[in-house]
N, C-alpha and C. Protein backbone atom coordinates (compact mmCIF):
# COMPACT_ATOMS: atom_id res chain seq x y z
N UNK A 1 -1.34 29.12 29.91
CA UNK A 1 -0.69 27.98 30.26
C UNK A 1 0.42 27.44 29.30
N UNK A 2 1.44 27.76 29.74
CA UNK A 2 2.58 26.95 28.58
C UNK A 2 2.96 25.53 29.41
N UNK A 3 3.33 24.82 28.42
CA UNK A 3 3.70 23.54 28.70
C UNK A 3 5.11 23.44 28.06
N UNK A 4 5.70 22.95 29.20
CA UNK A 4 7.59 22.90 28.73
C UNK A 4 7.38 21.18 28.00
N UNK A 5 6.59 20.61 27.57
CA UNK A 5 6.61 19.08 27.34
C UNK A 5 6.92 19.47 25.66
N UNK A 6 5.90 20.55 25.20
CA UNK A 6 5.61 20.76 23.61
C UNK A 6 6.27 21.77 23.41
N UNK A 7 6.76 21.53 22.06
CA UNK A 7 7.66 23.01 21.53
C UNK A 7 6.99 23.41 20.01
N UNK A 8 6.89 24.53 19.64
CA UNK A 8 6.13 25.20 18.59
C UNK A 8 7.63 24.70 17.54
N UNK A 9 6.91 24.45 16.07
CA UNK A 9 7.82 24.18 15.01
C UNK A 9 7.18 25.02 14.00
N UNK A 10 8.12 25.70 13.41
CA UNK A 10 7.42 26.42 12.25
C UNK A 10 6.92 25.48 11.38
N UNK A 11 5.89 25.94 10.34
CA UNK A 11 5.60 25.10 9.38
C UNK A 11 6.51 24.87 8.29
N UNK A 12 7.17 25.93 8.14
CA UNK A 12 7.97 25.72 6.67
C UNK A 12 9.44 24.81 7.18
N UNK A 13 9.32 24.56 8.09
CA UNK A 13 10.53 23.71 8.71
C UNK A 13 10.15 22.19 8.24
N UNK A 14 9.04 21.83 8.43
CA UNK A 14 8.27 20.84 8.60
C UNK A 14 7.93 20.18 6.73
N UNK A 15 7.51 21.15 6.34
CA UNK A 15 6.79 21.56 4.98
C UNK A 15 8.09 20.91 3.85
N UNK A 16 8.99 21.44 3.97
CA UNK A 16 10.40 21.81 2.96
C UNK A 16 10.66 20.66 2.80
N UNK A 17 10.77 19.72 3.51
CA UNK A 17 11.81 18.35 3.78
C UNK A 17 10.47 17.15 2.98
N UNK A 18 8.99 17.51 3.15
CA UNK A 18 8.44 16.69 2.61
C UNK A 18 8.05 17.07 1.20
N UNK A 19 8.26 18.43 1.16
CA UNK A 19 7.83 18.55 -0.31
C UNK A 19 9.14 18.01 -1.19
N UNK A 20 9.81 18.22 -0.60
CA UNK A 20 11.47 17.50 -1.56
C UNK A 20 11.37 16.30 -1.77
N UNK A 21 10.90 15.51 -0.62
CA UNK A 21 10.34 13.87 -0.47
C UNK A 21 9.34 13.85 -1.40
N UNK A 22 8.73 14.47 -1.88
CA UNK A 22 7.33 14.21 -2.80
C UNK A 22 7.70 14.39 -4.09
N UNK A 23 8.45 15.51 -4.20
CA UNK A 23 8.96 15.90 -5.40
C UNK A 23 10.25 14.56 -6.12
N UNK A 24 10.87 14.20 -5.28
CA UNK A 24 12.04 13.11 -5.85
C UNK A 24 10.90 11.76 -5.98
N UNK A 25 9.85 11.54 -5.09
CA UNK A 25 8.61 10.33 -5.58
C UNK A 25 8.04 10.37 -6.65
N UNK A 26 8.10 11.58 -7.31
CA UNK A 26 7.05 11.89 -8.25
C UNK A 26 7.95 11.57 -9.61
N UNK A 27 9.19 11.88 -9.46
CA UNK A 27 10.39 12.17 -10.42
C UNK A 27 10.39 10.69 -10.67
N UNK A 28 10.49 9.72 -9.48
CA UNK A 28 10.97 8.36 -9.85
C UNK A 28 9.85 7.54 -10.39
N UNK A 29 8.91 7.82 -10.02
CA UNK A 29 7.83 7.12 -10.53
C UNK A 29 7.32 7.31 -12.24
N UNK A 30 7.50 8.58 -12.19
CA UNK A 30 7.17 8.95 -13.78
C UNK A 30 8.61 8.89 -14.53
N UNK A 31 9.43 8.60 -14.10
CA UNK A 31 10.59 8.10 -14.76
C UNK A 31 10.61 6.78 -15.37
N UNK A 32 10.06 6.45 -14.48
CA UNK A 32 9.63 4.58 -14.78
C UNK A 32 8.35 4.39 -15.53
N UNK A 33 7.23 4.87 -14.88
CA UNK A 33 6.36 4.39 -15.63
C UNK A 33 5.79 5.56 -16.84
N UNK A 34 6.28 6.66 -17.28
CA UNK A 34 6.11 7.03 -18.73
C UNK A 34 6.54 6.54 -19.72
N UNK A 35 7.44 5.92 -19.78
CA UNK A 35 8.19 5.10 -21.34
C UNK A 35 7.51 3.90 -21.09
N UNK A 36 6.70 3.43 -20.40
CA UNK A 36 6.43 2.30 -20.01
C UNK A 36 4.74 2.58 -20.86
N UNK A 37 4.37 3.74 -20.32
CA UNK A 37 3.05 4.39 -20.97
C UNK A 37 3.04 4.02 -22.88
N UNK A 38 4.25 5.06 -22.89
CA UNK A 38 4.52 5.50 -24.47
C UNK A 38 4.47 4.04 -25.53
N UNK A 39 5.16 3.31 -24.76
CA UNK A 39 5.54 1.75 -25.35
C UNK A 39 4.11 1.14 -25.37
N UNK A 40 3.35 1.75 -24.12
CA UNK A 40 2.18 0.53 -24.26
C UNK A 40 1.27 1.17 -25.38
N UNK A 41 0.97 2.84 -25.22
CA UNK A 41 0.17 3.13 -26.23
C UNK A 41 0.48 3.05 -28.03
N UNK A 42 2.14 2.99 -27.86
CA UNK A 42 2.58 2.34 -29.45
C UNK A 42 1.67 1.27 -29.69
N UNK A 43 2.24 0.10 -28.69
CA UNK A 43 2.29 -1.17 -29.16
C UNK A 43 0.76 -1.46 -29.40
N UNK A 44 -0.22 -0.54 -28.62
CA UNK A 44 -1.69 -0.47 -28.69
C UNK A 44 -2.57 -0.25 -29.99
N UNK A 45 -1.46 1.19 -30.82
CA UNK A 45 -1.86 1.55 -32.06
C UNK A 45 -1.49 0.28 -32.86
N UNK A 46 -0.37 -0.26 -32.86
CA UNK A 46 0.18 -1.15 -33.88
C UNK A 46 -0.53 -2.64 -33.87
N UNK A 47 -1.18 -2.80 -32.59
CA UNK A 47 -2.38 -3.82 -32.48
C UNK A 47 -3.82 -3.40 -33.23
N UNK A 48 -4.36 -2.33 -33.02
CA UNK A 48 -5.32 -2.06 -33.57
C UNK A 48 -5.10 -2.28 -35.09
N UNK A 49 -3.80 -1.33 -35.78
CA UNK A 49 -3.70 -1.63 -37.42
C UNK A 49 -3.67 -2.79 -37.68
N UNK A 50 -3.21 -3.64 -37.00
CA UNK A 50 -2.89 -5.37 -37.68
C UNK A 50 -3.64 -6.14 -37.23
N UNK A 51 -4.91 -5.90 -36.18
CA UNK A 51 -5.58 -6.84 -35.51
C UNK A 51 -5.00 -7.75 -34.70
N UNK A 52 -3.65 -7.71 -34.08
CA UNK A 52 -2.78 -9.04 -33.01
C UNK A 52 -3.84 -8.56 -31.77
N UNK A 53 -4.42 -9.42 -31.28
CA UNK A 53 -4.72 -9.53 -29.84
C UNK A 53 -4.09 -10.50 -29.18
N UNK A 54 -2.83 -10.05 -28.96
CA UNK A 54 -2.03 -11.11 -27.85
C UNK A 54 -1.53 -10.29 -26.80
N UNK A 55 -1.73 -10.41 -25.41
CA UNK A 55 -1.65 -10.28 -23.99
C UNK A 55 0.08 -9.83 -24.11
N UNK A 56 0.91 -11.37 -24.17
CA UNK A 56 2.16 -10.88 -24.26
C UNK A 56 3.06 -9.77 -25.27
N UNK A 57 2.39 -9.46 -26.05
CA UNK A 57 3.00 -8.43 -26.77
C UNK A 57 3.08 -6.83 -26.37
N UNK A 58 1.79 -7.01 -25.17
CA UNK A 58 1.81 -5.71 -24.85
C UNK A 58 2.64 -5.80 -23.15
N UNK A 59 2.62 -6.89 -22.40
CA UNK A 59 3.20 -6.74 -21.28
C UNK A 59 4.75 -7.12 -21.52
N UNK A 60 5.09 -7.75 -21.87
CA UNK A 60 6.54 -7.76 -22.17
C UNK A 60 7.41 -7.07 -22.62
N UNK A 61 7.22 -6.04 -23.90
CA UNK A 61 7.75 -5.16 -23.97
C UNK A 61 7.92 -3.66 -22.78
N UNK A 62 6.72 -3.71 -22.42
CA UNK A 62 6.53 -2.57 -21.20
C UNK A 62 7.50 -2.91 -19.94
N UNK A 63 7.45 -4.37 -19.77
CA UNK A 63 8.55 -4.83 -18.48
C UNK A 63 9.88 -4.82 -18.91
N UNK A 64 10.25 -4.98 -20.08
CA UNK A 64 11.60 -4.97 -20.68
C UNK A 64 11.65 -3.27 -20.46
N UNK A 65 11.20 -2.46 -20.98
CA UNK A 65 11.15 -0.81 -21.10
C UNK A 65 11.22 -0.23 -19.58
N UNK A 66 11.10 -1.08 -18.51
CA UNK A 66 10.66 -0.02 -17.54
C UNK A 66 11.71 -0.73 -16.65
N UNK A 67 12.67 -2.34 -17.05
CA UNK A 67 13.79 -2.63 -16.12
C UNK A 67 14.80 -1.91 -16.91
N UNK A 68 14.94 -1.42 -18.22
CA UNK A 68 16.14 -0.86 -18.60
C UNK A 68 15.84 0.33 -18.33
N UNK A 69 15.02 0.96 -17.89
CA UNK A 69 15.06 2.52 -17.44
C UNK A 69 15.29 2.16 -16.06
N UNK A 70 14.59 1.46 -15.48
CA UNK A 70 15.80 1.15 -13.84
C UNK A 70 16.60 1.12 -13.75
N UNK A 71 17.36 0.22 -14.71
CA UNK A 71 19.06 -0.01 -14.77
C UNK A 71 19.74 0.94 -15.07
N UNK A 72 19.12 1.51 -15.90
CA UNK A 72 20.17 2.57 -16.51
C UNK A 72 19.87 4.41 -15.50
N UNK A 73 18.71 4.23 -15.10
CA UNK A 73 18.54 5.48 -14.05
C UNK A 73 18.67 5.47 -12.73
N UNK A 74 19.02 4.36 -12.47
CA UNK A 74 19.63 3.47 -11.21
C UNK A 74 20.75 4.59 -10.32
N UNK A 75 21.84 4.77 -10.84
CA UNK A 75 22.83 5.49 -10.06
C UNK A 75 22.40 6.69 -9.92
N UNK A 76 21.80 7.48 -10.91
CA UNK A 76 21.09 8.63 -10.80
C UNK A 76 19.87 8.98 -9.38
N UNK A 77 19.20 7.73 -9.62
CA UNK A 77 18.26 7.62 -8.56
C UNK A 77 18.78 7.46 -7.04
N UNK A 78 19.62 6.65 -7.18
CA UNK A 78 20.54 6.21 -5.57
C UNK A 78 21.30 7.70 -5.28
N UNK A 79 21.79 8.09 -6.30
CA UNK A 79 22.35 9.56 -5.84
C UNK A 79 21.63 10.68 -5.35
N UNK A 80 19.98 10.75 -5.99
CA UNK A 80 19.20 11.67 -5.27
C UNK A 80 18.68 11.26 -3.76
N UNK A 81 18.51 9.66 -3.66
CA UNK A 81 18.22 9.40 -2.19
C UNK A 81 18.86 9.42 -1.50
N UNK A 82 20.31 9.10 -1.83
CA UNK A 82 21.32 9.40 -0.80
C UNK A 82 21.49 11.11 -0.66
N UNK A 83 21.38 11.78 -1.55
CA UNK A 83 21.77 13.40 -0.96
C UNK A 83 20.41 13.51 -0.09
N UNK A 84 19.16 13.04 -0.28
CA UNK A 84 18.29 13.67 0.55
C UNK A 84 18.16 13.25 1.95
N UNK A 85 18.62 11.61 2.14
CA UNK A 85 19.10 11.40 3.44
C UNK A 85 19.77 12.18 4.13
N UNK A 86 21.02 12.58 3.49
CA UNK A 86 22.17 13.36 3.97
C UNK A 86 21.76 14.18 4.55
N UNK A 87 20.89 15.48 3.56
CA UNK A 87 20.27 16.54 4.05
C UNK A 87 19.22 16.26 5.13
N UNK A 88 18.61 15.28 4.93
CA UNK A 88 17.67 15.13 6.48
C UNK A 88 17.86 15.13 7.41
N UNK A 89 19.46 14.33 7.79
CA UNK A 89 20.05 13.79 8.72
C UNK A 89 20.53 14.87 9.49
N UNK A 90 21.48 15.71 8.02
CA UNK A 90 22.01 16.77 8.46
C UNK A 90 20.97 17.69 9.17
N UNK A 91 19.99 17.99 8.73
CA UNK A 91 18.92 19.26 9.08
C UNK A 91 18.32 18.75 10.29
N UNK A 92 17.99 17.29 10.82
CA UNK A 92 17.22 16.75 11.70
C UNK A 92 17.59 17.51 13.03
N UNK A 93 18.19 17.91 13.77
CA UNK A 93 18.48 18.41 14.99
C UNK A 93 17.53 20.30 14.63
N UNK A 94 17.49 20.96 13.73
CA UNK A 94 16.98 22.12 13.10
C UNK A 94 15.28 21.59 13.34
N UNK A 95 15.09 20.22 12.63
CA UNK A 95 13.45 20.27 12.59
C UNK A 95 12.80 20.10 13.70
N UNK A 96 13.84 19.22 14.79
CA UNK A 96 13.60 18.94 16.38
C UNK A 96 13.65 20.00 17.01
N UNK A 97 13.98 20.96 16.84
CA UNK A 97 13.96 22.31 17.52
C UNK A 97 13.13 23.07 17.70
């Protein structure tokens, strides 16, 4: 028995946009956190070598690096998100049919 209220959707039409979205999320997260991770490791090595144990010495540089990376990469990130949204809206009828 076939019910007309339900429709079949090929799996690749739904998986492809989610795959692109997850890739963009991974790039955005990596772009912001990897420089902070590298700064944190280098500061930790410096602290171990000099035996300086100050929490603000690790927090403030990581925060500044994340803010600077976000400021410089924001135009690129926004263009990626806008193009992904435009692509999703353009193909929305295809996804729903």
